[in-house]
Amino acid sequence: MKKIINKNLLISILFLLIFIGTAIFVITDPFNELNSIQVVLAKEDIEINQMIENDDVYVAVFPKNLFTSEILVQKNKVVGKRANVKISQNSFFTSDMLDMAFLRPTEEHQFFIIPNSWILQLQGSLRRFDKVNIYAVISEKQNEFPLPIISDPILKEIPVIYVKSNNNREVEDVNGVSDRLQGTTRPTQVELSLKSEEFKKLEELYDQGYKFIFSY
């Protein structure tokens, strides 16, 4: 009789452990973590030109199969910005929904189109809102004296205002998917936010015999 009681007790304990394990598995849902990512969402409707505050947003899980690299995942990329468009409750955020301060002319920064003759190379995956480092490379044009090789970027973290093709169309990702693998057109023109002295520096280097590579 004692052996039967012990056996029943062991079976009861085993079923209890299975129940607890199943409950923990359902609550934690480890497979859901593999198929989702945390993103920033709007708590309520956000109007155009509204300043977004910390209480206006929250972080929640978002299906990975619907996620693109344009969607913002950090609060500090959203809070403190103004909305360029009306953003609906529970919607995610992307950079082009927000007024990025560095993409507006200021007393110091202006928008400059870089002449095509200055450009040695534009990456096909370069897009608006990227920030580029600019490298000066000796071009075929040579002065009487050999030019020094410049290894480090001459300008760093320069905001890209527009990337356009030779027919003046903005280069975007095919189907609006930000994987950068395929663009609607090939980049040939770039417009940057620069201080006047930064633009003059590029101009002087070009006159000396350098052209520029824009890397991000």
N, C-alpha and C. Protein backbone atom coordinates (compact mmCIF):
# COMPACT_ATOMS: atom_id res chain seq x y z
N MET A 1 0.83 -1.21 0.00
CA MET A 1 0.00 0.00 0.00
C MET A 1 0.86 1.26 0.00
N LYS A 2 1.96 1.23 0.76
CA LYS A 2 2.84 2.39 0.85
C LYS A 2 3.51 2.66 -0.48
N LYS A 3 3.87 1.58 -1.21
CA LYS A 3 4.51 1.75 -2.52
C LYS A 3 3.55 2.39 -3.52
N ILE A 4 2.26 1.99 -3.43
CA ILE A 4 1.26 2.56 -4.34
C ILE A 4 1.07 4.04 -4.07
N ILE A 5 1.05 4.41 -2.76
CA ILE A 5 0.91 5.82 -2.39
C ILE A 5 2.10 6.63 -2.89
N ASN A 6 3.31 6.08 -2.72
CA ASN A 6 4.52 6.79 -3.18
C ASN A 6 4.50 6.96 -4.70
N LYS A 7 4.03 5.91 -5.39
CA LYS A 7 3.97 5.98 -6.85
C LYS A 7 2.98 7.06 -7.30
N ASN A 8 1.82 7.09 -6.65
CA ASN A 8 0.82 8.12 -6.99
C ASN A 8 1.33 9.52 -6.68
N LEU A 9 2.07 9.62 -5.58
CA LEU A 9 2.64 10.93 -5.20
C LEU A 9 3.65 11.40 -6.24
N LEU A 10 4.49 10.47 -6.70
CA LEU A 10 5.50 10.82 -7.72
C LEU A 10 4.83 11.25 -9.03
N ILE A 11 3.76 10.51 -9.40
CA ILE A 11 3.04 10.86 -10.63
C ILE A 11 2.40 12.25 -10.49
N SER A 12 1.85 12.53 -9.32
CA SER A 12 1.22 13.84 -9.08
C SER A 12 2.24 14.97 -9.16
N ILE A 13 3.41 14.73 -8.54
CA ILE A 13 4.48 15.73 -8.59
C ILE A 13 4.95 15.96 -10.02
N LEU A 14 5.07 14.85 -10.77
CA LEU A 14 5.51 14.95 -12.17
C LEU A 14 4.53 15.79 -12.98
N PHE A 15 3.23 15.52 -12.84
CA PHE A 15 2.22 16.30 -13.58
C PHE A 15 2.23 17.77 -13.15
N LEU A 16 2.47 18.00 -11.84
CA LEU A 16 2.53 19.37 -11.35
C LEU A 16 3.70 20.12 -11.98
N LEU A 17 4.86 19.46 -12.07
CA LEU A 17 6.04 20.08 -12.68
C LEU A 17 5.81 20.36 -14.17
N ILE A 18 5.12 19.40 -14.85
CA ILE A 18 4.82 19.61 -16.27
C ILE A 18 3.89 20.81 -16.44
N PHE A 19 2.90 20.92 -15.55
CA PHE A 19 1.97 22.06 -15.61
C PHE A 19 2.69 23.38 -15.40
N ILE A 20 3.56 23.42 -14.37
CA ILE A 20 4.31 24.66 -14.09
C ILE A 20 5.22 25.02 -15.26
N GLY A 21 5.89 24.00 -15.82
CA GLY A 21 6.78 24.25 -16.96
C GLY A 21 6.03 24.78 -18.16
N THR A 22 4.84 24.19 -18.41
CA THR A 22 4.02 24.65 -19.55
C THR A 22 3.56 26.09 -19.34
N ALA A 23 3.15 26.42 -18.12
CA ALA A 23 2.70 27.79 -17.81
C ALA A 23 3.82 28.79 -18.01
N ILE A 24 5.02 28.45 -17.55
CA ILE A 24 6.17 29.35 -17.73
C ILE A 24 6.48 29.53 -19.20
N PHE A 25 6.40 28.45 -19.98
CA PHE A 25 6.68 28.51 -21.41
C PHE A 25 5.70 29.43 -22.13
N VAL A 26 4.40 29.29 -21.75
CA VAL A 26 3.36 30.12 -22.40
C VAL A 26 3.54 31.59 -22.04
N ILE A 27 3.88 31.86 -20.76
CA ILE A 27 4.03 33.25 -20.31
C ILE A 27 5.24 33.91 -20.95
N THR A 28 6.36 33.20 -20.95
CA THR A 28 7.60 33.79 -21.49
C THR A 28 7.62 33.76 -23.01
N ASP A 29 6.99 32.77 -23.62
CA ASP A 29 6.89 32.66 -25.09
C ASP A 29 8.23 32.93 -25.76
N PRO A 30 9.22 32.06 -25.59
CA PRO A 30 10.54 32.31 -26.16
C PRO A 30 10.55 32.37 -27.68
N PHE A 31 9.64 31.62 -28.33
CA PHE A 31 9.62 31.63 -29.78
C PHE A 31 9.12 32.95 -30.32
N ASN A 32 8.23 33.63 -29.54
CA ASN A 32 7.75 34.94 -29.96
C ASN A 32 8.87 35.97 -29.99
N GLU A 33 9.82 35.85 -29.04
CA GLU A 33 10.95 36.76 -29.01
C GLU A 33 11.81 36.63 -30.25
N LEU A 34 11.89 35.40 -30.78
CA LEU A 34 12.68 35.18 -31.98
C LEU A 34 12.01 35.76 -33.21
N ASN A 35 10.69 35.89 -33.18
CA ASN A 35 9.94 36.35 -34.34
C ASN A 35 9.46 37.79 -34.22
N SER A 36 9.94 38.51 -33.21
CA SER A 36 9.48 39.89 -33.00
C SER A 36 10.66 40.77 -32.60
N ILE A 37 10.41 42.08 -32.65
CA ILE A 37 11.43 43.06 -32.28
C ILE A 37 10.73 44.22 -31.59
N GLN A 38 11.40 44.88 -30.68
CA GLN A 38 10.79 46.01 -29.98
C GLN A 38 10.97 47.28 -30.81
N VAL A 39 9.89 48.02 -30.99
CA VAL A 39 9.93 49.27 -31.75
C VAL A 39 9.18 50.35 -30.96
N VAL A 40 9.36 51.61 -31.38
CA VAL A 40 8.68 52.74 -30.74
C VAL A 40 7.34 52.98 -31.44
N LEU A 41 6.27 53.10 -30.66
CA LEU A 41 4.93 53.31 -31.21
C LEU A 41 4.28 54.54 -30.57
N ALA A 42 3.29 55.09 -31.24
CA ALA A 42 2.58 56.27 -30.76
C ALA A 42 1.45 55.87 -29.81
N LYS A 43 1.40 56.49 -28.62
CA LYS A 43 0.32 56.19 -27.67
C LYS A 43 -1.02 56.71 -28.15
N GLU A 44 -1.00 57.92 -28.70
CA GLU A 44 -2.21 58.56 -29.22
C GLU A 44 -1.90 59.15 -30.59
N ASP A 45 -2.94 59.67 -31.26
CA ASP A 45 -2.71 60.38 -32.52
C ASP A 45 -1.77 61.56 -32.28
N ILE A 46 -0.81 61.75 -33.19
CA ILE A 46 0.13 62.87 -33.10
C ILE A 46 -0.08 63.75 -34.33
N GLU A 47 -0.32 65.03 -34.08
CA GLU A 47 -0.65 65.96 -35.16
C GLU A 47 0.62 66.51 -35.82
N ILE A 48 0.44 67.04 -37.03
CA ILE A 48 1.56 67.67 -37.75
C ILE A 48 2.11 68.84 -36.92
N ASN A 49 3.42 68.94 -36.84
CA ASN A 49 4.15 69.97 -36.11
C ASN A 49 4.09 69.80 -34.59
N GLN A 50 3.44 68.74 -34.11
CA GLN A 50 3.42 68.50 -32.67
C GLN A 50 4.80 68.03 -32.20
N MET A 51 5.27 68.62 -31.09
CA MET A 51 6.52 68.17 -30.48
C MET A 51 6.24 66.86 -29.74
N ILE A 52 7.02 65.83 -30.04
CA ILE A 52 6.80 64.52 -29.45
C ILE A 52 7.54 64.42 -28.12
N GLU A 53 6.79 64.12 -27.07
CA GLU A 53 7.36 63.99 -25.74
C GLU A 53 7.39 62.52 -25.32
N ASN A 54 8.08 62.26 -24.21
CA ASN A 54 8.26 60.88 -23.75
C ASN A 54 6.93 60.19 -23.50
N ASP A 55 5.94 60.95 -22.98
CA ASP A 55 4.64 60.36 -22.68
C ASP A 55 3.81 60.07 -23.93
N ASP A 56 4.25 60.55 -25.09
CA ASP A 56 3.51 60.33 -26.33
C ASP A 56 3.85 59.01 -27.00
N VAL A 57 4.87 58.31 -26.49
CA VAL A 57 5.33 57.09 -27.16
C VAL A 57 5.49 55.96 -26.15
N TYR A 58 5.53 54.76 -26.68
CA TYR A 58 5.84 53.58 -25.86
C TYR A 58 6.58 52.57 -26.72
N VAL A 59 7.20 51.61 -26.07
CA VAL A 59 7.95 50.57 -26.78
C VAL A 59 7.18 49.27 -26.65
N ALA A 60 6.99 48.57 -27.77
CA ALA A 60 6.26 47.30 -27.76
C ALA A 60 6.83 46.37 -28.82
N VAL A 61 6.47 45.09 -28.72
CA VAL A 61 6.97 44.12 -29.68
C VAL A 61 6.26 44.32 -31.02
N PHE A 62 6.99 44.01 -32.09
CA PHE A 62 6.50 44.23 -33.45
C PHE A 62 6.94 43.02 -34.28
N PRO A 63 6.08 42.46 -35.13
CA PRO A 63 6.46 41.27 -35.91
C PRO A 63 7.67 41.54 -36.80
N LYS A 64 8.65 40.64 -36.75
CA LYS A 64 9.86 40.82 -37.55
C LYS A 64 9.58 40.76 -39.05
N ASN A 65 8.57 40.00 -39.44
CA ASN A 65 8.28 39.89 -40.88
C ASN A 65 7.71 41.18 -41.45
N LEU A 66 7.27 42.12 -40.58
CA LEU A 66 6.77 43.42 -41.04
C LEU A 66 7.79 44.54 -40.81
N PHE A 67 8.91 44.20 -40.21
CA PHE A 67 9.91 45.21 -39.82
C PHE A 67 10.84 45.53 -40.98
N THR A 68 11.16 46.83 -41.13
CA THR A 68 12.20 47.26 -42.06
C THR A 68 13.18 48.16 -41.30
N SER A 69 14.33 48.39 -41.87
CA SER A 69 15.36 49.18 -41.18
C SER A 69 14.97 50.65 -41.04
N GLU A 70 13.91 51.09 -41.75
CA GLU A 70 13.45 52.48 -41.60
C GLU A 70 12.74 52.72 -40.27
N ILE A 71 12.17 51.66 -39.69
CA ILE A 71 11.38 51.80 -38.46
C ILE A 71 12.32 52.05 -37.28
N LEU A 72 11.98 53.07 -36.48
CA LEU A 72 12.84 53.46 -35.37
C LEU A 72 12.58 52.60 -34.14
N VAL A 73 13.66 52.19 -33.47
CA VAL A 73 13.54 51.27 -32.34
C VAL A 73 13.99 51.91 -31.03
N GLN A 74 14.50 53.14 -31.08
CA GLN A 74 14.99 53.80 -29.88
C GLN A 74 14.17 55.07 -29.63
N LYS A 75 13.73 55.24 -28.37
CA LYS A 75 12.94 56.41 -28.01
C LYS A 75 13.67 57.72 -28.28
N ASN A 76 14.98 57.74 -28.01
CA ASN A 76 15.72 58.99 -28.16
C ASN A 76 15.83 59.45 -29.60
N LYS A 77 15.44 58.58 -30.56
CA LYS A 77 15.41 58.97 -31.96
C LYS A 77 14.09 59.64 -32.32
N VAL A 78 13.11 59.58 -31.39
CA VAL A 78 11.77 60.09 -31.65
C VAL A 78 11.43 61.27 -30.73
N VAL A 79 11.69 61.10 -29.44
CA VAL A 79 11.35 62.13 -28.45
C VAL A 79 12.14 63.40 -28.71
N GLY A 80 11.45 64.53 -28.68
CA GLY A 80 12.10 65.82 -28.94
C GLY A 80 12.02 66.28 -30.38
N LYS A 81 11.47 65.42 -31.27
CA LYS A 81 11.31 65.78 -32.68
C LYS A 81 9.87 66.24 -32.93
N ARG A 82 9.67 66.96 -34.02
CA ARG A 82 8.32 67.37 -34.44
C ARG A 82 7.85 66.45 -35.56
N ALA A 83 6.56 66.20 -35.60
CA ALA A 83 5.99 65.32 -36.63
C ALA A 83 5.84 66.08 -37.94
N ASN A 84 6.30 65.49 -39.02
CA ASN A 84 6.11 66.07 -40.36
C ASN A 84 4.74 65.72 -40.93
N VAL A 85 4.18 64.61 -40.45
CA VAL A 85 2.88 64.13 -40.93
C VAL A 85 2.04 63.74 -39.72
N LYS A 86 0.75 63.53 -39.92
CA LYS A 86 -0.09 63.04 -38.83
C LYS A 86 0.24 61.57 -38.61
N ILE A 87 0.49 61.21 -37.35
CA ILE A 87 0.86 59.85 -37.00
C ILE A 87 -0.26 59.25 -36.16
N SER A 88 -0.82 58.15 -36.60
CA SER A 88 -1.97 57.55 -35.93
C SER A 88 -1.56 56.78 -34.68
N GLN A 89 -2.51 56.64 -33.78
CA GLN A 89 -2.28 55.88 -32.55
C GLN A 89 -1.79 54.47 -32.89
N ASN A 90 -0.78 54.03 -32.14
CA ASN A 90 -0.18 52.70 -32.28
C ASN A 90 0.62 52.52 -33.57
N SER A 91 0.87 53.62 -34.30
CA SER A 91 1.72 53.54 -35.49
C SER A 91 3.19 53.59 -35.08
N PHE A 92 4.04 52.99 -35.92
CA PHE A 92 5.49 53.09 -35.71
C PHE A 92 6.01 54.40 -36.29
N PHE A 93 7.27 54.68 -36.08
CA PHE A 93 7.90 55.92 -36.56
C PHE A 93 9.03 55.59 -37.53
N THR A 94 9.20 56.44 -38.55
CA THR A 94 10.37 56.41 -39.41
C THR A 94 10.96 57.82 -39.47
N SER A 95 12.19 57.93 -39.92
CA SER A 95 12.87 59.23 -39.94
C SER A 95 12.12 60.26 -40.78
N ASP A 96 11.55 59.82 -41.91
CA ASP A 96 10.90 60.81 -42.78
C ASP A 96 9.56 61.29 -42.22
N MET A 97 9.07 60.68 -41.13
CA MET A 97 7.88 61.19 -40.45
C MET A 97 8.22 62.36 -39.53
N LEU A 98 9.51 62.50 -39.23
CA LEU A 98 9.93 63.46 -38.21
C LEU A 98 10.73 64.59 -38.83
N ASP A 99 10.67 65.74 -38.18
CA ASP A 99 11.45 66.91 -38.60
C ASP A 99 12.85 66.76 -38.03
N MET A 100 13.77 66.28 -38.87
CA MET A 100 15.15 66.09 -38.43
C MET A 100 15.84 67.45 -38.48
N ALA A 101 16.19 67.99 -37.34
CA ALA A 101 16.72 69.35 -37.26
C ALA A 101 17.92 69.57 -38.15
N PHE A 102 18.76 68.54 -38.30
CA PHE A 102 19.97 68.72 -39.09
C PHE A 102 19.67 68.80 -40.58
N LEU A 103 18.41 68.56 -40.99
CA LEU A 103 18.06 68.65 -42.40
C LEU A 103 17.37 69.97 -42.73
N ARG A 104 17.53 70.95 -41.85
CA ARG A 104 17.00 72.27 -42.14
C ARG A 104 18.13 73.28 -42.22
N PRO A 105 18.03 74.23 -43.12
CA PRO A 105 19.07 75.28 -43.15
C PRO A 105 19.10 76.03 -41.82
N THR A 106 20.28 76.38 -41.37
CA THR A 106 20.45 77.16 -40.13
C THR A 106 21.36 78.34 -40.44
N GLU A 107 21.67 79.11 -39.42
CA GLU A 107 22.60 80.23 -39.62
C GLU A 107 23.97 79.72 -40.04
N GLU A 108 24.34 78.51 -39.59
CA GLU A 108 25.66 77.96 -39.92
C GLU A 108 25.62 77.05 -41.13
N HIS A 109 24.60 76.20 -41.22
CA HIS A 109 24.54 75.19 -42.27
C HIS A 109 23.62 75.62 -43.41
N GLN A 110 24.09 75.35 -44.64
CA GLN A 110 23.29 75.58 -45.82
C GLN A 110 23.30 74.32 -46.67
N PHE A 111 22.40 74.27 -47.65
CA PHE A 111 22.34 73.11 -48.53
C PHE A 111 23.19 73.38 -49.77
N PHE A 112 24.11 72.49 -50.05
CA PHE A 112 25.00 72.63 -51.20
C PHE A 112 24.90 71.40 -52.10
N ILE A 113 24.68 71.63 -53.39
CA ILE A 113 24.78 70.55 -54.38
C ILE A 113 26.25 70.40 -54.75
N ILE A 114 26.76 69.19 -54.63
CA ILE A 114 28.15 68.94 -54.97
C ILE A 114 28.26 68.74 -56.48
N PRO A 115 29.04 69.55 -57.19
CA PRO A 115 29.16 69.40 -58.65
C PRO A 115 29.61 67.99 -59.02
N ASN A 116 29.03 67.45 -60.09
CA ASN A 116 29.37 66.09 -60.51
C ASN A 116 30.85 65.94 -60.83
N SER A 117 31.47 67.02 -61.30
CA SER A 117 32.90 66.95 -61.65
C SER A 117 33.77 66.74 -60.42
N TRP A 118 33.23 67.01 -59.23
CA TRP A 118 33.99 66.82 -57.99
C TRP A 118 33.91 65.37 -57.49
N ILE A 119 32.94 64.62 -57.99
CA ILE A 119 32.63 63.31 -57.43
C ILE A 119 33.43 62.22 -58.12
N LEU A 120 34.18 61.46 -57.35
CA LEU A 120 34.86 60.29 -57.89
C LEU A 120 33.98 59.05 -57.75
N GLN A 121 33.25 58.95 -56.64
CA GLN A 121 32.43 57.77 -56.43
C GLN A 121 31.27 58.07 -55.48
N LEU A 122 30.06 57.64 -55.90
CA LEU A 122 28.88 57.67 -55.05
C LEU A 122 28.38 56.22 -54.91
N GLN A 123 28.24 55.76 -53.69
CA GLN A 123 27.75 54.40 -53.47
C GLN A 123 26.30 54.28 -53.92
N GLY A 124 25.98 53.19 -54.60
CA GLY A 124 24.63 52.98 -55.09
C GLY A 124 23.60 52.85 -54.00
N SER A 125 24.04 52.50 -52.78
CA SER A 125 23.11 52.31 -51.66
C SER A 125 22.94 53.58 -50.82
N LEU A 126 23.60 54.68 -51.23
CA LEU A 126 23.48 55.93 -50.47
C LEU A 126 22.07 56.50 -50.61
N ARG A 127 21.51 56.97 -49.48
CA ARG A 127 20.14 57.48 -49.48
C ARG A 127 20.05 58.77 -48.66
N ARG A 128 18.96 59.50 -48.86
CA ARG A 128 18.65 60.67 -48.04
C ARG A 128 18.58 60.27 -46.57
N PHE A 129 19.01 61.17 -45.70
CA PHE A 129 19.08 61.00 -44.24
C PHE A 129 20.35 60.28 -43.78
N ASP A 130 21.12 59.71 -44.72
CA ASP A 130 22.41 59.13 -44.31
C ASP A 130 23.36 60.24 -43.89
N LYS A 131 24.39 59.88 -43.14
CA LYS A 131 25.48 60.80 -42.84
C LYS A 131 26.76 60.22 -43.42
N VAL A 132 27.51 61.03 -44.15
CA VAL A 132 28.66 60.52 -44.88
C VAL A 132 29.97 61.09 -44.35
N ASN A 133 31.02 60.30 -44.51
CA ASN A 133 32.38 60.78 -44.36
C ASN A 133 32.92 61.03 -45.77
N ILE A 134 33.63 62.15 -45.94
CA ILE A 134 34.11 62.52 -47.28
C ILE A 134 35.62 62.34 -47.34
N TYR A 135 36.06 61.56 -48.32
CA TYR A 135 37.48 61.30 -48.53
C TYR A 135 37.95 62.02 -49.79
N ALA A 136 39.12 62.61 -49.71
CA ALA A 136 39.73 63.28 -50.86
C ALA A 136 40.73 62.32 -51.50
N VAL A 137 40.56 62.09 -52.81
CA VAL A 137 41.42 61.16 -53.54
C VAL A 137 42.04 61.90 -54.71
N ILE A 138 43.31 61.67 -54.96
CA ILE A 138 43.99 62.33 -56.07
C ILE A 138 43.36 61.88 -57.38
N SER A 139 42.94 62.86 -58.20
CA SER A 139 42.32 62.54 -59.48
C SER A 139 43.39 62.49 -60.56
N GLU A 140 42.96 62.22 -61.80
CA GLU A 140 43.90 62.18 -62.91
C GLU A 140 44.50 63.56 -63.17
N LYS A 141 43.75 64.58 -62.79
CA LYS A 141 44.25 65.95 -62.94
C LYS A 141 45.40 66.17 -61.97
N GLN A 142 46.58 66.46 -62.45
CA GLN A 142 47.76 66.61 -61.61
C GLN A 142 48.38 68.00 -61.78
N ASN A 143 48.86 68.55 -60.68
CA ASN A 143 49.59 69.81 -60.73
C ASN A 143 51.06 69.54 -61.00
N GLU A 144 51.83 70.61 -61.01
CA GLU A 144 53.26 70.48 -61.28
C GLU A 144 53.95 69.65 -60.21
N PHE A 145 53.50 69.79 -58.95
CA PHE A 145 54.10 69.05 -57.85
C PHE A 145 53.15 67.95 -57.40
N PRO A 146 53.71 66.77 -57.04
CA PRO A 146 52.85 65.66 -56.60
C PRO A 146 52.02 66.05 -55.38
N LEU A 147 50.77 65.61 -55.38
CA LEU A 147 49.87 65.91 -54.27
C LEU A 147 50.05 64.90 -53.15
N PRO A 148 49.95 65.33 -51.90
CA PRO A 148 50.03 64.37 -50.79
C PRO A 148 48.78 63.50 -50.72
N ILE A 149 48.96 62.25 -50.30
CA ILE A 149 47.83 61.34 -50.10
C ILE A 149 47.17 61.67 -48.76
N ILE A 150 45.86 61.83 -48.78
CA ILE A 150 45.10 62.13 -47.56
C ILE A 150 44.35 60.87 -47.15
N SER A 151 44.77 60.27 -46.05
CA SER A 151 44.20 58.98 -45.63
C SER A 151 42.89 59.14 -44.86
N ASP A 152 42.82 60.13 -43.99
CA ASP A 152 41.64 60.31 -43.14
C ASP A 152 40.54 61.10 -43.85
N PRO A 153 39.29 60.93 -43.42
CA PRO A 153 38.21 61.74 -44.01
C PRO A 153 38.48 63.23 -43.79
N ILE A 154 38.20 64.02 -44.79
CA ILE A 154 38.39 65.47 -44.63
C ILE A 154 37.19 66.11 -43.94
N LEU A 155 36.02 65.46 -44.06
CA LEU A 155 34.82 65.88 -43.34
C LEU A 155 34.09 64.63 -42.85
N LYS A 156 33.53 64.70 -41.64
CA LYS A 156 32.89 63.53 -41.05
C LYS A 156 31.43 63.82 -40.70
N GLU A 157 30.61 62.77 -40.79
CA GLU A 157 29.21 62.83 -40.35
C GLU A 157 28.44 63.99 -40.98
N ILE A 158 28.56 64.11 -42.29
CA ILE A 158 27.87 65.18 -43.02
C ILE A 158 26.48 64.70 -43.46
N PRO A 159 25.40 65.40 -43.08
CA PRO A 159 24.04 64.96 -43.44
C PRO A 159 23.78 65.06 -44.95
N VAL A 160 23.17 64.01 -45.47
CA VAL A 160 22.77 63.97 -46.88
C VAL A 160 21.34 64.49 -46.99
N ILE A 161 21.15 65.52 -47.78
CA ILE A 161 19.82 66.11 -47.96
C ILE A 161 19.06 65.37 -49.06
N TYR A 162 19.72 65.16 -50.19
CA TYR A 162 19.12 64.42 -51.31
C TYR A 162 20.19 63.64 -52.03
N VAL A 163 19.79 62.49 -52.57
CA VAL A 163 20.60 61.73 -53.52
C VAL A 163 19.74 61.59 -54.77
N LYS A 164 20.26 62.06 -55.90
CA LYS A 164 19.44 62.08 -57.11
C LYS A 164 20.17 61.41 -58.28
N SER A 165 19.37 61.05 -59.28
CA SER A 165 19.92 60.49 -60.51
C SER A 165 20.18 61.63 -61.49
N ASN A 166 20.72 61.28 -62.67
CA ASN A 166 21.04 62.33 -63.64
C ASN A 166 19.80 62.97 -64.27
N ASN A 167 18.61 62.38 -64.04
CA ASN A 167 17.37 63.03 -64.51
C ASN A 167 16.65 63.75 -63.36
N ASN A 168 17.42 64.03 -62.29
CA ASN A 168 16.95 64.82 -61.15
C ASN A 168 15.86 64.14 -60.34
N ARG A 169 15.80 62.81 -60.39
CA ARG A 169 14.85 62.05 -59.57
C ARG A 169 15.56 61.56 -58.32
N GLU A 170 14.86 61.63 -57.18
CA GLU A 170 15.44 61.13 -55.95
C GLU A 170 15.61 59.61 -56.02
N VAL A 171 16.75 59.14 -55.56
CA VAL A 171 17.02 57.71 -55.52
C VAL A 171 16.37 57.12 -54.27
N GLU A 172 15.48 56.16 -54.46
CA GLU A 172 14.81 55.50 -53.35
C GLU A 172 14.96 53.99 -53.50
N ASP A 173 14.61 53.25 -52.45
CA ASP A 173 14.65 51.80 -52.52
C ASP A 173 13.46 51.29 -53.31
N VAL A 174 13.67 50.23 -54.08
CA VAL A 174 12.59 49.64 -54.86
C VAL A 174 11.48 49.18 -53.93
N ASN A 175 10.23 49.50 -54.28
CA ASN A 175 9.05 49.13 -53.49
C ASN A 175 9.05 49.74 -52.10
N GLY A 176 9.90 50.73 -51.85
CA GLY A 176 9.93 51.38 -50.55
C GLY A 176 10.53 50.55 -49.45
N VAL A 177 11.13 49.41 -49.77
CA VAL A 177 11.73 48.55 -48.75
C VAL A 177 13.17 48.97 -48.54
N SER A 178 13.51 49.29 -47.29
CA SER A 178 14.81 49.87 -47.01
C SER A 178 15.86 48.78 -46.80
N ASP A 179 16.11 47.97 -47.84
CA ASP A 179 17.19 47.01 -47.75
C ASP A 179 18.40 47.47 -48.57
N ARG A 180 18.23 48.56 -49.32
CA ARG A 180 19.29 49.21 -50.08
C ARG A 180 19.88 48.34 -51.20
N LEU A 181 19.32 47.15 -51.42
CA LEU A 181 19.89 46.27 -52.42
C LEU A 181 19.60 46.76 -53.84
N GLN A 182 18.42 47.36 -54.01
CA GLN A 182 18.05 47.85 -55.33
C GLN A 182 17.46 49.25 -55.20
N GLY A 183 17.95 50.16 -56.03
CA GLY A 183 17.42 51.51 -56.04
C GLY A 183 16.59 51.76 -57.28
N THR A 184 15.72 52.76 -57.19
CA THR A 184 14.88 53.08 -58.34
C THR A 184 15.70 53.62 -59.49
N THR A 185 16.80 54.31 -59.18
CA THR A 185 17.71 54.84 -60.20
C THR A 185 19.13 54.79 -59.64
N ARG A 186 20.10 55.13 -60.48
CA ARG A 186 21.49 55.13 -60.05
C ARG A 186 21.89 56.52 -59.54
N PRO A 187 22.50 56.62 -58.35
CA PRO A 187 22.89 57.94 -57.83
C PRO A 187 23.98 58.60 -58.68
N THR A 188 23.76 59.85 -59.01
CA THR A 188 24.80 60.62 -59.71
C THR A 188 25.00 62.00 -59.09
N GLN A 189 24.04 62.45 -58.27
CA GLN A 189 24.12 63.77 -57.66
C GLN A 189 23.87 63.65 -56.16
N VAL A 190 24.55 64.50 -55.39
CA VAL A 190 24.33 64.49 -53.95
C VAL A 190 24.26 65.93 -53.44
N GLU A 191 23.33 66.16 -52.52
CA GLU A 191 23.15 67.48 -51.90
C GLU A 191 23.39 67.32 -50.40
N LEU A 192 24.25 68.17 -49.85
CA LEU A 192 24.69 68.02 -48.47
C LEU A 192 24.38 69.26 -47.64
N SER A 193 24.29 69.07 -46.31
CA SER A 193 24.17 70.18 -45.38
C SER A 193 25.57 70.51 -44.87
N LEU A 194 26.07 71.68 -45.28
CA LEU A 194 27.46 72.05 -44.97
C LEU A 194 27.55 73.48 -44.44
N LYS A 195 28.58 73.73 -43.66
CA LYS A 195 28.96 75.10 -43.35
C LYS A 195 29.67 75.67 -44.58
N SER A 196 29.64 76.99 -44.74
CA SER A 196 30.26 77.60 -45.92
C SER A 196 31.75 77.29 -45.99
N GLU A 197 32.41 77.24 -44.81
CA GLU A 197 33.85 76.95 -44.83
C GLU A 197 34.13 75.50 -45.22
N GLU A 198 33.17 74.61 -44.92
CA GLU A 198 33.34 73.21 -45.32
C GLU A 198 33.23 73.07 -46.84
N PHE A 199 32.27 73.79 -47.42
CA PHE A 199 32.14 73.76 -48.88
C PHE A 199 33.38 74.36 -49.54
N LYS A 200 33.89 75.45 -48.98
CA LYS A 200 35.09 76.08 -49.54
C LYS A 200 36.29 75.14 -49.46
N LYS A 201 36.35 74.34 -48.40
CA LYS A 201 37.43 73.37 -48.25
C LYS A 201 37.39 72.34 -49.38
N LEU A 202 36.18 71.86 -49.69
CA LEU A 202 36.03 70.93 -50.81
C LEU A 202 36.44 71.58 -52.12
N GLU A 203 36.02 72.83 -52.30
CA GLU A 203 36.33 73.55 -53.54
C GLU A 203 37.84 73.72 -53.70
N GLU A 204 38.52 74.08 -52.63
CA GLU A 204 39.97 74.28 -52.69
C GLU A 204 40.70 72.97 -52.99
N LEU A 205 40.25 71.89 -52.37
CA LEU A 205 40.89 70.59 -52.62
C LEU A 205 40.66 70.13 -54.06
N TYR A 206 39.46 70.38 -54.58
CA TYR A 206 39.20 70.02 -55.98
C TYR A 206 40.11 70.82 -56.91
N ASP A 207 40.26 72.12 -56.64
CA ASP A 207 41.12 72.96 -57.47
C ASP A 207 42.58 72.49 -57.43
N GLN A 208 42.97 71.86 -56.31
CA GLN A 208 44.34 71.35 -56.19
C GLN A 208 44.54 70.06 -56.97
N GLY A 209 43.42 69.35 -57.27
CA GLY A 209 43.54 68.11 -58.01
C GLY A 209 42.93 66.89 -57.34
N TYR A 210 42.08 67.12 -56.34
CA TYR A 210 41.43 66.01 -55.64
C TYR A 210 39.98 65.87 -56.12
N LYS A 211 39.47 64.63 -56.05
CA LYS A 211 38.04 64.38 -56.16
C LYS A 211 37.60 63.65 -54.88
N PHE A 212 36.28 63.40 -54.76
CA PHE A 212 35.76 62.96 -53.48
C PHE A 212 34.95 61.68 -53.54
N ILE A 213 35.13 60.88 -52.50
CA ILE A 213 34.34 59.67 -52.28
C ILE A 213 33.48 59.90 -51.04
N PHE A 214 32.22 59.53 -51.13
CA PHE A 214 31.27 59.74 -50.03
C PHE A 214 30.91 58.37 -49.43
N SER A 215 31.38 58.15 -48.22
CA SER A 215 31.19 56.85 -47.58
C SER A 215 30.31 56.98 -46.35
N TYR A 216 29.47 55.98 -46.09
CA TYR A 216 28.62 56.02 -44.91
C TYR A 216 28.73 54.71 -44.13
